[in-house]
Amino acid sequence: MCLETNRIFIREFAPCDAGDLYEILGDEATMEQCEPAYSFAQTEKFLADFCIGKKGALAAVQKESGKCIGYILFKPLEEDVYEIGWFFNRKYWRQGYAFEACGKVIDDAFRERNAHKIMAETIDNKKSVPLMEKLGMQQEGLQRSHTKDMNGNWADFYLYGMLREDWEKRQKL
């Protein structure tokens, strides 16, 4: 798969992405709402096993620099239902890259893969939930105090989704 936006190429990961992916997954601030930051060795293993081996994620590469600035989880959960998630290099936050890249992946899923639904989940109601809503996803569930955050505190778990019909309505706007 290779997709393109104005500023980004979205492609499968390659072994040469290890350093850029480590800048993302190895950053404590980026990973604070998910799991502990990865070591370089953990990043290499994750890249080889999951991103490349299982094709469970896509690389968001900035056209201008050729740098991989984003990790986009994109995998089928069941027939025509996909999960999406993302981590972007903190140096590129609040510049619209995640919205641009994830929006393109969502569009492709409905246009080319005949997706029925795209879903996402998070405990981050400050950055991820607003982006999910901006992408057109709707809250489908809130599990209160369902899981623990990185500090061991109970956190709410948000479930978001977009159905094909929701996406089609957005295309007409």
Protein backbone atom coordinates (compact mmCIF):
# COMPACT_ATOMS: atom_id res chain seq x y z
CA MET A 1 0.00 0.00 0.00
CA CYS A 2 1.22 3.46 -0.83
CA LEU A 3 -0.96 6.50 -0.24
CA GLU A 4 -0.17 10.16 -0.66
CA THR A 5 -1.40 13.43 0.79
CA ASN A 6 -0.09 16.95 0.21
CA ARG A 7 2.68 16.52 2.77
CA ILE A 8 2.94 12.81 3.49
CA PHE A 9 3.58 9.44 1.89
CA ILE A 10 1.90 6.56 3.72
CA ARG A 11 3.59 3.25 3.07
CA GLU A 12 4.50 -0.06 4.61
CA PHE A 13 7.34 0.00 7.11
CA ALA A 14 10.85 -1.05 6.10
CA PRO A 15 13.87 -2.06 8.23
CA CYS A 16 15.50 1.32 7.50
CA ASP A 17 12.70 2.99 9.54
CA ALA A 18 14.09 1.69 12.86
CA GLY A 19 15.79 4.94 13.87
CA ASP A 20 12.82 7.15 13.04
CA LEU A 21 10.38 4.73 14.67
CA TYR A 22 12.53 4.72 17.81
CA GLU A 23 12.27 8.54 17.95
CA ILE A 24 8.51 7.99 18.20
CA LEU A 25 8.13 4.85 20.34
CA GLY A 26 11.17 5.64 22.49
CA ASP A 27 9.79 9.02 23.58
CA GLU A 28 8.20 8.97 27.03
CA ALA A 29 5.88 11.91 26.34
CA THR A 30 4.58 10.28 23.16
CA MET A 31 3.97 6.95 24.88
CA GLU A 32 2.62 8.25 28.20
CA GLN A 33 -1.01 7.28 27.48
CA CYS A 34 -0.18 3.80 26.21
CA GLU A 35 2.81 1.90 27.53
CA PRO A 36 6.41 2.50 28.63
CA ALA A 37 8.71 3.99 26.01
CA TYR A 38 10.54 1.37 23.95
CA SER A 39 14.28 0.74 23.94
CA PHE A 40 15.94 0.67 20.53
CA ALA A 41 16.07 -3.14 20.68
CA GLN A 42 12.33 -3.30 21.49
CA THR A 43 11.64 -0.92 18.60
CA GLU A 44 13.63 -3.07 16.16
CA LYS A 45 11.81 -6.23 17.28
CA PHE A 46 8.40 -4.54 17.09
CA LEU A 47 9.24 -3.16 13.66
CA ALA A 48 10.32 -6.57 12.36
CA ASP A 49 7.61 -8.68 14.00
CA PHE A 50 4.50 -6.49 13.92
CA CYS A 51 4.98 -3.60 11.51
CA ILE A 52 6.72 -5.59 8.77
CA GLY A 53 6.03 -9.24 9.63
CA LYS A 54 2.32 -8.91 10.34
CA LYS A 55 1.84 -5.72 8.29
CA GLY A 56 -0.04 -4.29 11.27
CA ALA A 57 0.98 -0.68 10.81
CA LEU A 58 1.85 1.94 8.23
CA ALA A 59 4.63 4.55 8.16
CA ALA A 60 3.75 8.21 7.68
CA VAL A 61 6.71 9.76 5.87
CA GLN A 62 7.11 13.51 5.51
CA LYS A 63 7.60 14.24 1.80
CA GLU A 64 9.88 17.22 2.38
CA SER A 65 12.44 15.39 4.53
CA GLY A 66 11.84 11.71 3.75
CA LYS A 67 11.64 11.12 7.50
CA CYS A 68 9.17 8.67 9.02
CA ILE A 69 7.28 10.92 11.43
CA GLY A 70 4.31 8.70 12.24
CA TYR A 71 3.25 5.18 13.12
CA ILE A 72 -0.31 4.36 12.06
CA LEU A 73 -1.78 1.17 13.47
CA PHE A 74 -4.11 -0.21 10.86
CA LYS A 75 -5.26 -3.80 11.05
CA PRO A 76 -8.36 -5.85 10.38
CA LEU A 77 -10.28 -7.00 13.45
CA GLU A 78 -12.81 -9.06 11.53
CA GLU A 79 -14.27 -9.02 8.04
CA ASP A 80 -14.56 -5.39 6.86
CA VAL A 81 -13.87 -3.97 10.35
CA TYR A 82 -10.52 -2.27 10.98
CA GLU A 83 -8.75 -0.74 13.94
CA ILE A 84 -6.80 2.48 13.57
CA GLY A 85 -4.43 4.14 16.02
CA TRP A 86 -1.43 6.43 15.80
CA PHE A 87 1.73 7.77 17.35
CA PHE A 88 3.53 10.71 15.77
CA ASN A 89 6.95 12.13 16.49
CA ARG A 90 6.46 14.82 19.11
CA LYS A 91 8.39 17.36 17.00
CA TYR A 92 5.51 17.22 14.51
CA TRP A 93 2.57 17.49 16.91
CA ARG A 94 -0.11 20.14 16.40
CA GLN A 95 0.74 20.59 12.71
CA GLY A 96 -2.10 18.49 11.27
CA TYR A 97 0.03 15.53 10.20
CA ALA A 98 -1.90 12.91 12.18
CA PHE A 99 -5.23 14.24 10.92
CA GLU A 100 -3.97 14.32 7.33
CA ALA A 101 -2.45 10.84 7.41
CA CYS A 102 -5.18 9.06 9.39
CA GLY A 103 -7.88 10.73 7.30
CA LYS A 104 -6.23 9.35 4.17
CA VAL A 105 -6.00 5.84 5.63
CA ILE A 106 -9.67 5.99 6.62
CA ASP A 107 -10.68 7.21 3.15
CA ASP A 108 -8.69 4.41 1.54
CA ALA A 109 -10.26 1.80 3.83
CA PHE A 110 -13.77 2.79 2.80
CA ARG A 111 -12.97 3.40 -0.89
CA GLU A 112 -10.60 0.55 -1.67
CA ARG A 113 -11.04 -2.08 1.06
CA ASN A 114 -14.82 -1.96 1.29
CA ALA A 115 -14.63 -1.30 5.03
CA HIS A 116 -17.86 -1.41 6.95
CA LYS A 117 -16.37 0.16 10.09
CA ILE A 118 -13.19 1.74 11.45
CA MET A 119 -12.71 1.79 15.21
CA ALA A 120 -10.24 3.29 17.67
CA GLU A 121 -9.70 3.23 21.41
CA THR A 122 -7.81 5.40 23.89
CA ILE A 123 -7.49 6.61 27.45
CA ASP A 124 -6.21 9.99 26.18
CA ASN A 125 -9.17 12.36 26.22
CA LYS A 126 -6.98 15.44 25.71
CA LYS A 127 -5.25 14.70 22.38
CA SER A 128 -6.63 11.47 20.90
CA VAL A 129 -10.35 11.93 21.53
CA PRO A 130 -10.44 15.36 19.85
CA LEU A 131 -8.58 13.95 16.85
CA MET A 132 -10.95 10.99 16.62
CA GLU A 133 -13.88 13.40 16.60
CA LYS A 134 -12.19 15.67 14.03
CA LEU A 135 -11.72 12.60 11.82
CA GLY A 136 -15.49 12.05 12.00
CA MET A 137 -15.50 9.18 14.46
CA GLN A 138 -18.27 8.98 17.04
CA GLN A 139 -18.04 7.88 20.62
CA GLU A 140 -19.49 4.40 20.89
CA GLY A 141 -18.60 3.66 24.44
CA LEU A 142 -17.00 4.92 27.60
CA GLN A 143 -15.81 2.42 30.13
CA ARG A 144 -15.31 4.42 33.29
CA SER A 145 -12.20 3.67 35.37
CA HIS A 146 -11.63 0.63 33.20
CA THR A 147 -7.85 0.48 32.99
CA LYS A 148 -4.79 1.94 34.62
CA ASP A 149 -2.64 4.64 33.10
CA MET A 150 1.16 4.69 33.14
CA ASN A 151 1.16 6.03 36.72
CA GLY A 152 -1.09 3.26 38.01
CA ASN A 153 -4.15 5.51 38.25
CA TRP A 154 -7.53 4.30 37.05
CA ALA A 155 -8.46 5.81 33.70
CA ASP A 156 -11.52 5.97 31.50
CA PHE A 157 -11.40 3.95 28.28
CA TYR A 158 -12.95 5.60 25.21
CA LEU A 159 -14.22 3.64 22.20
CA TYR A 160 -14.80 5.46 18.91
CA GLY A 161 -15.99 4.31 15.52
CA MET A 162 -16.98 5.35 12.05
CA LEU A 163 -19.39 3.40 9.88
CA ARG A 164 -19.35 3.46 6.08
CA GLU A 165 -22.59 5.49 6.10
CA ASP A 166 -20.99 8.10 8.40
CA TRP A 167 -18.03 8.38 6.04
CA GLU A 168 -20.28 8.66 2.99
CA LYS A 169 -22.19 11.55 4.61
CA ARG A 170 -18.90 13.37 5.28
CA GLN A 171 -17.92 12.97 1.61
CA LYS A 172 -21.01 14.93 0.55
CA LEU A 173 -20.19 17.93 2.75
